[in-house]
Amino acid sequence: REDALTAVLPSLSDAFGLGAVSDRRFLAHGLMNRNWRLAT
């Protein structure tokens, strides 16, 4: 899951204008989707 995110995170950061990602955390307790907390 983290490897898959690593591959697409630069494109997502560009798409949403997030800038550099300084921290990310997978949120395993979500009911739907796959969710992360990103510090950017």
ModelCIF file with pLDDT and N, C-alpha, C, O atoms, coordinates in Angstrom:
data_MODEL
#
_entry.id   MODEL 
#
_entity.id                         1 
_entity.type                       polymer 
_entity.pdbx_number_of_molecules   1 
#
_entity_poly.entity_id                      1 
_entity_poly.type                           'polypeptide(L)' 
_entity_poly.nstd_linkage                   no 
_entity_poly.nstd_monomer                   no 
_entity_poly.pdbx_seq_one_letter_code       REDALTAVLPSLSDAFGLGAVSDRRFLAHGLMNRNWRLAT 
_entity_poly.pdbx_seq_one_letter_code_can   REDALTAVLPSLSDAFGLGAVSDRRFLAHGLMNRNWRLAT 
_entity_poly.pdbx_strand_id                 A 
#
loop_
_entity_poly_seq.entity_id 
_entity_poly_seq.num 
_entity_poly_seq.mon_id 
_entity_poly_seq.hetero 
1 1  ARG n 
1 2  GLU n 
1 3  ASP n 
1 4  ALA n 
1 5  LEU n 
1 6  THR n 
1 7  ALA n 
1 8  VAL n 
1 9  LEU n 
1 10 PRO n 
1 11 SER n 
1 12 LEU n 
1 13 SER n 
1 14 ASP n 
1 15 ALA n 
1 16 PHE n 
1 17 GLY n 
1 18 LEU n 
1 19 GLY n 
1 20 ALA n 
1 21 VAL n 
1 22 SER n 
1 23 ASP n 
1 24 ARG n 
1 25 ARG n 
1 26 PHE n 
1 27 LEU n 
1 28 ALA n 
1 29 HIS n 
1 30 GLY n 
1 31 LEU n 
1 32 MET n 
1 33 ASN n 
1 34 ARG n 
1 35 ASN n 
1 36 TRP n 
1 37 ARG n 
1 38 LEU n 
1 39 ALA n 
1 40 THR n 
#
_struct_asym.id          A 
_struct_asym.entity_id   1 
#
loop_
_ma_qa_metric.id 
_ma_qa_metric.mode 
_ma_qa_metric.name 
_ma_qa_metric.software_group_id 
_ma_qa_metric.type 
1 global pLDDT . pLDDT 
2 local  pLDDT . pLDDT 
#
_ma_qa_metric_global.metric_id      1 
_ma_qa_metric_global.metric_value   89.97 
_ma_qa_metric_global.model_id       1 
_ma_qa_metric_global.ordinal_id     1 
#
loop_
_ma_qa_metric_local.label_asym_id 
_ma_qa_metric_local.label_comp_id 
_ma_qa_metric_local.label_seq_id 
_ma_qa_metric_local.metric_id 
_ma_qa_metric_local.metric_value 
_ma_qa_metric_local.model_id 
_ma_qa_metric_local.ordinal_id 
A ARG 1  2 63.00 1 1  
A GLU 2  2 71.00 1 2  
A ASP 3  2 74.00 1 3  
A ALA 4  2 77.00 1 4  
A LEU 5  2 86.00 1 5  
A THR 6  2 89.00 1 6  
A ALA 7  2 90.00 1 7  
A VAL 8  2 94.00 1 8  
A LEU 9  2 95.00 1 9  
A PRO 10 2 96.00 1 10 
A SER 11 2 96.00 1 11 
A LEU 12 2 97.00 1 12 
A SER 13 2 97.00 1 13 
A ASP 14 2 97.00 1 14 
A ALA 15 2 97.00 1 15 
A PHE 16 2 98.00 1 16 
A GLY 17 2 97.00 1 17 
A LEU 18 2 97.00 1 18 
A GLY 19 2 96.00 1 19 
A ALA 20 2 96.00 1 20 
A VAL 21 2 96.00 1 21 
A SER 22 2 96.00 1 22 
A ASP 23 2 95.00 1 23 
A ARG 24 2 95.00 1 24 
A ARG 25 2 93.00 1 25 
A PHE 26 2 91.00 1 26 
A LEU 27 2 89.00 1 27 
A ALA 28 2 83.00 1 28 
A HIS 29 2 78.00 1 29 
A GLY 30 2 71.00 1 30 
A LEU 31 2 72.00 1 31 
A MET 32 2 82.00 1 32 
A ASN 33 2 88.00 1 33 
A ARG 34 2 91.00 1 34 
A ASN 35 2 93.00 1 35 
A TRP 36 2 95.00 1 36 
A ARG 37 2 96.00 1 37 
A LEU 38 2 97.00 1 38 
A ALA 39 2 98.00 1 39 
A THR 40 2 97.00 1 40 
#
loop_
_atom_site.group_PDB 
_atom_site.id 
_atom_site.type_symbol 
_atom_site.label_atom_id 
_atom_site.label_alt_id 
_atom_site.label_comp_id 
_atom_site.label_asym_id 
_atom_site.label_entity_id 
_atom_site.label_seq_id 
_atom_site.pdbx_PDB_ins_code 
_atom_site.Cartn_x 
_atom_site.Cartn_y 
_atom_site.Cartn_z 
_atom_site.occupancy 
_atom_site.B_iso_or_equiv 
_atom_site.pdbx_formal_charge 
_atom_site.auth_seq_id 
_atom_site.auth_comp_id 
_atom_site.auth_asym_id 
_atom_site.auth_atom_id 
_atom_site.pdbx_PDB_model_num 
ATOM 1   N N  . ARG A 1 1  ? 0.841   -1.195 0.000  1.00 63.00 ? 1  ARG A N  1 
ATOM 2   C CA . ARG A 1 1  ? 0.000   0.000  0.000  1.00 63.00 ? 1  ARG A CA 1 
ATOM 3   C C  . ARG A 1 1  ? 0.877   1.245  0.000  1.00 63.00 ? 1  ARG A C  1 
ATOM 4   O O  . ARG A 1 1  ? 0.619   2.190  -0.745 1.00 63.00 ? 1  ARG A O  1 
ATOM 5   N N  . GLU A 1 2  ? 1.898   1.248  0.822  1.00 71.00 ? 2  GLU A N  1 
ATOM 6   C CA . GLU A 1 2  ? 2.810   2.382  0.893  1.00 71.00 ? 2  GLU A CA 1 
ATOM 7   C C  . GLU A 1 2  ? 3.648   2.497  -0.380 1.00 71.00 ? 2  GLU A C  1 
ATOM 8   O O  . GLU A 1 2  ? 3.910   3.606  -0.846 1.00 71.00 ? 2  GLU A O  1 
ATOM 9   N N  . ASP A 1 3  ? 4.071   1.364  -0.950 1.00 74.00 ? 3  ASP A N  1 
ATOM 10  C CA . ASP A 1 3  ? 4.817   1.393  -2.207 1.00 74.00 ? 3  ASP A CA 1 
ATOM 11  C C  . ASP A 1 3  ? 3.959   1.982  -3.322 1.00 74.00 ? 3  ASP A C  1 
ATOM 12  O O  . ASP A 1 3  ? 4.451   2.766  -4.134 1.00 74.00 ? 3  ASP A O  1 
ATOM 13  N N  . ALA A 1 4  ? 2.685   1.612  -3.366 1.00 77.00 ? 4  ALA A N  1 
ATOM 14  C CA . ALA A 1 4  ? 1.777   2.135  -4.381 1.00 77.00 ? 4  ALA A CA 1 
ATOM 15  C C  . ALA A 1 4  ? 1.607   3.643  -4.204 1.00 77.00 ? 4  ALA A C  1 
ATOM 16  O O  . ALA A 1 4  ? 1.593   4.379  -5.191 1.00 77.00 ? 4  ALA A O  1 
ATOM 17  N N  . LEU A 1 5  ? 1.480   4.108  -2.974 1.00 86.00 ? 5  LEU A N  1 
ATOM 18  C CA . LEU A 1 5  ? 1.344   5.540  -2.739 1.00 86.00 ? 5  LEU A CA 1 
ATOM 19  C C  . LEU A 1 5  ? 2.629   6.273  -3.112 1.00 86.00 ? 5  LEU A C  1 
ATOM 20  O O  . LEU A 1 5  ? 2.573   7.349  -3.708 1.00 86.00 ? 5  LEU A O  1 
ATOM 21  N N  . THR A 1 6  ? 3.770   5.713  -2.775 1.00 89.00 ? 6  THR A N  1 
ATOM 22  C CA . THR A 1 6  ? 5.044   6.344  -3.103 1.00 89.00 ? 6  THR A CA 1 
ATOM 23  C C  . THR A 1 6  ? 5.145   6.602  -4.603 1.00 89.00 ? 6  THR A C  1 
ATOM 24  O O  . THR A 1 6  ? 5.677   7.630  -5.021 1.00 89.00 ? 6  THR A O  1 
ATOM 25  N N  . ALA A 1 7  ? 4.642   5.686  -5.403 1.00 90.00 ? 7  ALA A N  1 
ATOM 26  C CA . ALA A 1 7  ? 4.725   5.819  -6.852 1.00 90.00 ? 7  ALA A CA 1 
ATOM 27  C C  . ALA A 1 7  ? 3.862   6.953  -7.389 1.00 90.00 ? 7  ALA A C  1 
ATOM 28  O O  . ALA A 1 7  ? 4.238   7.594  -8.370 1.00 90.00 ? 7  ALA A O  1 
ATOM 29  N N  . VAL A 1 8  ? 2.717   7.215  -6.770 1.00 94.00 ? 8  VAL A N  1 
ATOM 30  C CA . VAL A 1 8  ? 1.783   8.228  -7.300 1.00 94.00 ? 8  VAL A CA 1 
ATOM 31  C C  . VAL A 1 8  ? 1.799   9.543  -6.530 1.00 94.00 ? 8  VAL A C  1 
ATOM 32  O O  . VAL A 1 8  ? 1.218   10.527 -6.987 1.00 94.00 ? 8  VAL A O  1 
ATOM 33  N N  . LEU A 1 9  ? 2.449   9.579  -5.377 1.00 95.00 ? 9  LEU A N  1 
ATOM 34  C CA . LEU A 1 9  ? 2.400   10.779 -4.536 1.00 95.00 ? 9  LEU A CA 1 
ATOM 35  C C  . LEU A 1 9  ? 2.942   12.033 -5.227 1.00 95.00 ? 9  LEU A C  1 
ATOM 36  O O  . LEU A 1 9  ? 2.337   13.094 -5.072 1.00 95.00 ? 9  LEU A O  1 
ATOM 37  N N  . PRO A 1 10 ? 4.038   11.978 -5.975 1.00 96.00 ? 10 PRO A N  1 
ATOM 38  C CA . PRO A 1 10 ? 4.478   13.198 -6.669 1.00 96.00 ? 10 PRO A CA 1 
ATOM 39  C C  . PRO A 1 10 ? 3.421   13.739 -7.639 1.00 96.00 ? 10 PRO A C  1 
ATOM 40  O O  . PRO A 1 10 ? 3.215   14.951 -7.712 1.00 96.00 ? 10 PRO A O  1 
ATOM 41  N N  . SER A 1 11 ? 2.763   12.867 -8.370 1.00 96.00 ? 11 SER A N  1 
ATOM 42  C CA . SER A 1 11 ? 1.713   13.310 -9.293 1.00 96.00 ? 11 SER A CA 1 
ATOM 43  C C  . SER A 1 11 ? 0.533   13.898 -8.543 1.00 96.00 ? 11 SER A C  1 
ATOM 44  O O  . SER A 1 11 ? -0.028  14.910 -8.964 1.00 96.00 ? 11 SER A O  1 
ATOM 45  N N  . LEU A 1 12 ? 0.149   13.275 -7.437 1.00 97.00 ? 12 LEU A N  1 
ATOM 46  C CA . LEU A 1 12 ? -0.967  13.792 -6.639 1.00 97.00 ? 12 LEU A CA 1 
ATOM 47  C C  . LEU A 1 12 ? -0.620  15.134 -6.009 1.00 97.00 ? 12 LEU A C  1 
ATOM 48  O O  . LEU A 1 12 ? -1.451  16.042 -5.977 1.00 97.00 ? 12 LEU A O  1 
ATOM 49  N N  . SER A 1 13 ? 0.603   15.258 -5.511 1.00 97.00 ? 13 SER A N  1 
ATOM 50  C CA . SER A 1 13 ? 1.029   16.520 -4.925 1.00 97.00 ? 13 SER A CA 1 
ATOM 51  C C  . SER A 1 13 ? 0.989   17.635 -5.958 1.00 97.00 ? 13 SER A C  1 
ATOM 52  O O  . SER A 1 13 ? 0.548   18.745 -5.659 1.00 97.00 ? 13 SER A O  1 
ATOM 53  N N  . ASP A 1 14 ? 1.448   17.346 -7.175 1.00 97.00 ? 14 ASP A N  1 
ATOM 54  C CA . ASP A 1 14 ? 1.376   18.334 -8.257 1.00 97.00 ? 14 ASP A CA 1 
ATOM 55  C C  . ASP A 1 14 ? -0.079  18.656 -8.604 1.00 97.00 ? 14 ASP A C  1 
ATOM 56  O O  . ASP A 1 14 ? -0.445  19.823 -8.745 1.00 97.00 ? 14 ASP A O  1 
ATOM 57  N N  . ALA A 1 15 ? -0.898  17.626 -8.738 1.00 97.00 ? 15 ALA A N  1 
ATOM 58  C CA . ALA A 1 15 ? -2.290  17.816 -9.156 1.00 97.00 ? 15 ALA A CA 1 
ATOM 59  C C  . ALA A 1 15 ? -3.054  18.706 -8.178 1.00 97.00 ? 15 ALA A C  1 
ATOM 60  O O  . ALA A 1 15 ? -3.839  19.556 -8.597 1.00 97.00 ? 15 ALA A O  1 
ATOM 61  N N  . PHE A 1 16 ? -2.828  18.517 -6.887 1.00 98.00 ? 16 PHE A N  1 
ATOM 62  C CA . PHE A 1 16 ? -3.581  19.260 -5.875 1.00 98.00 ? 16 PHE A CA 1 
ATOM 63  C C  . PHE A 1 16 ? -2.807  20.449 -5.300 1.00 98.00 ? 16 PHE A C  1 
ATOM 64  O O  . PHE A 1 16 ? -3.314  21.141 -4.417 1.00 98.00 ? 16 PHE A O  1 
ATOM 65  N N  . GLY A 1 17 ? -1.589  20.695 -5.787 1.00 97.00 ? 17 GLY A N  1 
ATOM 66  C CA . GLY A 1 17 ? -0.804  21.836 -5.318 1.00 97.00 ? 17 GLY A CA 1 
ATOM 67  C C  . GLY A 1 17 ? -0.387  21.725 -3.868 1.00 97.00 ? 17 GLY A C  1 
ATOM 68  O O  . GLY A 1 17 ? -0.394  22.716 -3.137 1.00 97.00 ? 17 GLY A O  1 
ATOM 69  N N  . LEU A 1 18 ? -0.021  20.522 -3.447 1.00 97.00 ? 18 LEU A N  1 
ATOM 70  C CA . LEU A 1 18 ? 0.319   20.301 -2.044 1.00 97.00 ? 18 LEU A CA 1 
ATOM 71  C C  . LEU A 1 18 ? 1.753   20.673 -1.705 1.00 97.00 ? 18 LEU A C  1 
ATOM 72  O O  . LEU A 1 18 ? 2.059   20.921 -0.538 1.00 97.00 ? 18 LEU A O  1 
ATOM 73  N N  . GLY A 1 19 ? 2.631   20.720 -2.682 1.00 96.00 ? 19 GLY A N  1 
ATOM 74  C CA . GLY A 1 19 ? 4.040   20.970 -2.411 1.00 96.00 ? 19 GLY A CA 1 
ATOM 75  C C  . GLY A 1 19 ? 4.699   19.728 -1.847 1.00 96.00 ? 19 GLY A C  1 
ATOM 76  O O  . GLY A 1 19 ? 4.163   18.623 -1.928 1.00 96.00 ? 19 GLY A O  1 
ATOM 77  N N  . ALA A 1 20 ? 5.880   19.938 -1.270 1.00 96.00 ? 20 ALA A N  1 
ATOM 78  C CA . ALA A 1 20 ? 6.659   18.820 -0.738 1.00 96.00 ? 20 ALA A CA 1 
ATOM 79  C C  . ALA A 1 20 ? 5.918   18.163 0.426  1.00 96.00 ? 20 ALA A C  1 
ATOM 80  O O  . ALA A 1 20 ? 5.353   18.843 1.282  1.00 96.00 ? 20 ALA A O  1 
ATOM 81  N N  . VAL A 1 21 ? 5.931   16.838 0.444  1.00 96.00 ? 21 VAL A N  1 
ATOM 82  C CA . VAL A 1 21 ? 5.318   16.066 1.528  1.00 96.00 ? 21 VAL A CA 1 
ATOM 83  C C  . VAL A 1 21 ? 6.400   15.773 2.561  1.00 96.00 ? 21 VAL A C  1 
ATOM 84  O O  . VAL A 1 21 ? 7.391   15.109 2.261  1.00 96.00 ? 21 VAL A O  1 
ATOM 85  N N  . SER A 1 22 ? 6.204   16.269 3.770  1.00 96.00 ? 22 SER A N  1 
ATOM 86  C CA . SER A 1 22 ? 7.193   16.064 4.824  1.00 96.00 ? 22 SER A CA 1 
ATOM 87  C C  . SER A 1 22 ? 6.873   14.870 5.717  1.00 96.00 ? 22 SER A C  1 
ATOM 88  O O  . SER A 1 22 ? 7.757   14.337 6.388  1.00 96.00 ? 22 SER A O  1 
ATOM 89  N N  . ASP A 1 23 ? 5.617   14.454 5.725  1.00 95.00 ? 23 ASP A N  1 
ATOM 90  C CA . ASP A 1 23 ? 5.237   13.317 6.557  1.00 95.00 ? 23 ASP A CA 1 
ATOM 91  C C  . ASP A 1 23 ? 3.951   12.713 6.012  1.00 95.00 ? 23 ASP A C  1 
ATOM 92  O O  . ASP A 1 23 ? 3.072   13.430 5.534  1.00 95.00 ? 23 ASP A O  1 
ATOM 93  N N  . ARG A 1 24 ? 3.849   11.406 6.088  1.00 95.00 ? 24 ARG A N  1 
ATOM 94  C CA . ARG A 1 24 ? 2.602   10.740 5.703  1.00 95.00 ? 24 ARG A CA 1 
ATOM 95  C C  . ARG A 1 24 ? 2.382   9.569  6.638  1.00 95.00 ? 24 ARG A C  1 
ATOM 96  O O  . ARG A 1 24 ? 3.318   8.926  7.114  1.00 95.00 ? 24 ARG A O  1 
ATOM 97  N N  . ARG A 1 25 ? 1.080   9.316  6.885  1.00 93.00 ? 25 ARG A N  1 
ATOM 98  C CA . ARG A 1 25 ? 0.724   8.223  7.790  1.00 93.00 ? 25 ARG A CA 1 
ATOM 99  C C  . ARG A 1 25 ? -0.519  7.540  7.256  1.00 93.00 ? 25 ARG A C  1 
ATOM 100 O O  . ARG A 1 25 ? -1.550  8.179  7.046  1.00 93.00 ? 25 ARG A O  1 
ATOM 101 N N  . PHE A 1 26 ? -0.418  6.235  7.037  1.00 91.00 ? 26 PHE A N  1 
ATOM 102 C CA . PHE A 1 26 ? -1.580  5.460  6.607  1.00 91.00 ? 26 PHE A CA 1 
ATOM 103 C C  . PHE A 1 26 ? -2.533  5.337  7.784  1.00 91.00 ? 26 PHE A C  1 
ATOM 104 O O  . PHE A 1 26 ? -2.112  5.093  8.915  1.00 91.00 ? 26 PHE A O  1 
ATOM 105 N N  . LEU A 1 27 ? -3.829  5.511  7.506  1.00 89.00 ? 27 LEU A N  1 
ATOM 106 C CA . LEU A 1 27 ? -4.850  5.439  8.549  1.00 89.00 ? 27 LEU A CA 1 
ATOM 107 C C  . LEU A 1 27 ? -5.584  4.106  8.419  1.00 89.00 ? 27 LEU A C  1 
ATOM 108 O O  . LEU A 1 27 ? -6.527  3.975  7.639  1.00 89.00 ? 27 LEU A O  1 
ATOM 109 N N  . ALA A 1 28 ? -5.150  3.153  9.170  1.00 83.00 ? 28 ALA A N  1 
ATOM 110 C CA . ALA A 1 28 ? -5.668  1.789  9.051  1.00 83.00 ? 28 ALA A CA 1 
ATOM 111 C C  . ALA A 1 28 ? -7.094  1.639  9.561  1.00 83.00 ? 28 ALA A C  1 
ATOM 112 O O  . ALA A 1 28 ? -7.744  0.642  9.245  1.00 83.00 ? 28 ALA A O  1 
ATOM 113 N N  . HIS A 1 29 ? -7.605  2.590  10.338 1.00 78.00 ? 29 HIS A N  1 
ATOM 114 C CA . HIS A 1 29 ? -8.906  2.428  10.968 1.00 78.00 ? 29 HIS A CA 1 
ATOM 115 C C  . HIS A 1 29 ? -10.067 2.984  10.150 1.00 78.00 ? 29 HIS A C  1 
ATOM 116 O O  . HIS A 1 29 ? -11.197 2.993  10.637 1.00 78.00 ? 29 HIS A O  1 
ATOM 117 N N  . GLY A 1 30 ? -9.831  3.440  8.940  1.00 71.00 ? 30 GLY A N  1 
ATOM 118 C CA . GLY A 1 30 ? -10.918 3.976  8.123  1.00 71.00 ? 30 GLY A CA 1 
ATOM 119 C C  . GLY A 1 30 ? -11.894 2.895  7.688  1.00 71.00 ? 30 GLY A C  1 
ATOM 120 O O  . GLY A 1 30 ? -11.513 1.741  7.495  1.00 71.00 ? 30 GLY A O  1 
ATOM 121 N N  . LEU A 1 31 ? -13.148 3.274  7.536  1.00 72.00 ? 31 LEU A N  1 
ATOM 122 C CA . LEU A 1 31 ? -14.173 2.313  7.126  1.00 72.00 ? 31 LEU A CA 1 
ATOM 123 C C  . LEU A 1 31 ? -14.232 2.141  5.615  1.00 72.00 ? 31 LEU A C  1 
ATOM 124 O O  . LEU A 1 31 ? -14.499 1.048  5.117  1.00 72.00 ? 31 LEU A O  1 
ATOM 125 N N  . MET A 1 32 ? -13.984 3.215  4.895  1.00 82.00 ? 32 MET A N  1 
ATOM 126 C CA . MET A 1 32 ? -14.071 3.185  3.442  1.00 82.00 ? 32 MET A CA 1 
ATOM 127 C C  . MET A 1 32 ? -12.776 3.747  2.873  1.00 82.00 ? 32 MET A C  1 
ATOM 128 O O  . MET A 1 32 ? -12.055 4.479  3.551  1.00 82.00 ? 32 MET A O  1 
ATOM 129 N N  . ASN A 1 33 ? -12.497 3.408  1.657  1.00 88.00 ? 33 ASN A N  1 
ATOM 130 C CA . ASN A 1 33 ? -11.337 3.935  0.963  1.00 88.00 ? 33 ASN A CA 1 
ATOM 131 C C  . ASN A 1 33 ? -10.041 3.557  1.679  1.00 88.00 ? 33 ASN A C  1 
ATOM 132 O O  . ASN A 1 33 ? -10.051 2.869  2.700  1.00 88.00 ? 33 ASN A O  1 
ATOM 133 N N  . ARG A 1 34 ? -8.936  4.023  1.121  1.00 91.00 ? 34 ARG A N  1 
ATOM 134 C CA . ARG A 1 34 ? -7.644  3.956  1.800  1.00 91.00 ? 34 ARG A CA 1 
ATOM 135 C C  . ARG A 1 34 ? -7.271  5.400  2.068  1.00 91.00 ? 34 ARG A C  1 
ATOM 136 O O  . ARG A 1 34 ? -7.313  6.239  1.168  1.00 91.00 ? 34 ARG A O  1 
ATOM 137 N N  . ASN A 1 35 ? -6.909  5.687  3.300  1.00 93.00 ? 35 ASN A N  1 
ATOM 138 C CA . ASN A 1 35 ? -6.725  7.064  3.730  1.00 93.00 ? 35 ASN A CA 1 
ATOM 139 C C  . ASN A 1 35 ? -5.347  7.275  4.341  1.00 93.00 ? 35 ASN A C  1 
ATOM 140 O O  . ASN A 1 35 ? -4.798  6.402  5.013  1.00 93.00 ? 35 ASN A O  1 
ATOM 141 N N  . TRP A 1 36 ? -4.805  8.469  4.085  1.00 95.00 ? 36 TRP A N  1 
ATOM 142 C CA . TRP A 1 36 ? -3.532  8.877  4.662  1.00 95.00 ? 36 TRP A CA 1 
ATOM 143 C C  . TRP A 1 36 ? -3.663  10.279 5.228  1.00 95.00 ? 36 TRP A C  1 
ATOM 144 O O  . TRP A 1 36 ? -4.468  11.083 4.758  1.00 95.00 ? 36 TRP A O  1 
ATOM 145 N N  . ARG A 1 37 ? -2.880  10.552 6.219  1.00 96.00 ? 37 ARG A N  1 
ATOM 146 C CA . ARG A 1 37 ? -2.700  11.918 6.724  1.00 96.00 ? 37 ARG A CA 1 
ATOM 147 C C  . ARG A 1 37 ? -1.388  12.402 6.142  1.00 96.00 ? 37 ARG A C  1 
ATOM 148 O O  . ARG A 1 37 ? -0.347  11.775 6.344  1.00 96.00 ? 37 ARG A O  1 
ATOM 149 N N  . LEU A 1 38 ? -1.429  13.527 5.411  1.00 97.00 ? 38 LEU A N  1 
ATOM 150 C CA . LEU A 1 38 ? -0.241  14.080 4.780  1.00 97.00 ? 38 LEU A CA 1 
ATOM 151 C C  . LEU A 1 38 ? 0.091   15.434 5.384  1.00 97.00 ? 38 LEU A C  1 
ATOM 152 O O  . LEU A 1 38 ? -0.776  16.302 5.485  1.00 97.00 ? 38 LEU A O  1 
ATOM 153 N N  . ALA A 1 39 ? 1.333   15.615 5.783  1.00 98.00 ? 39 ALA A N  1 
ATOM 154 C CA . ALA A 1 39 ? 1.839   16.933 6.150  1.00 98.00 ? 39 ALA A CA 1 
ATOM 155 C C  . ALA A 1 39 ? 2.637   17.420 4.952  1.00 98.00 ? 39 ALA A C  1 
ATOM 156 O O  . ALA A 1 39 ? 3.569   16.750 4.508  1.00 98.00 ? 39 ALA A O  1 
ATOM 157 N N  . THR A 1 40 ? 2.274   18.580 4.431  1.00 97.00 ? 40 THR A N  1 
ATOM 158 C CA . THR A 1 40 ? 2.889   19.090 3.210  1.00 97.00 ? 40 THR A CA 1 
ATOM 159 C C  . THR A 1 40 ? 3.278   20.555 3.384  1.00 97.00 ? 40 THR A C  1 
ATOM 160 O O  . THR A 1 40 ? 3.814   21.165 2.459  1.00 97.00 ? 40 THR A O  1 
#
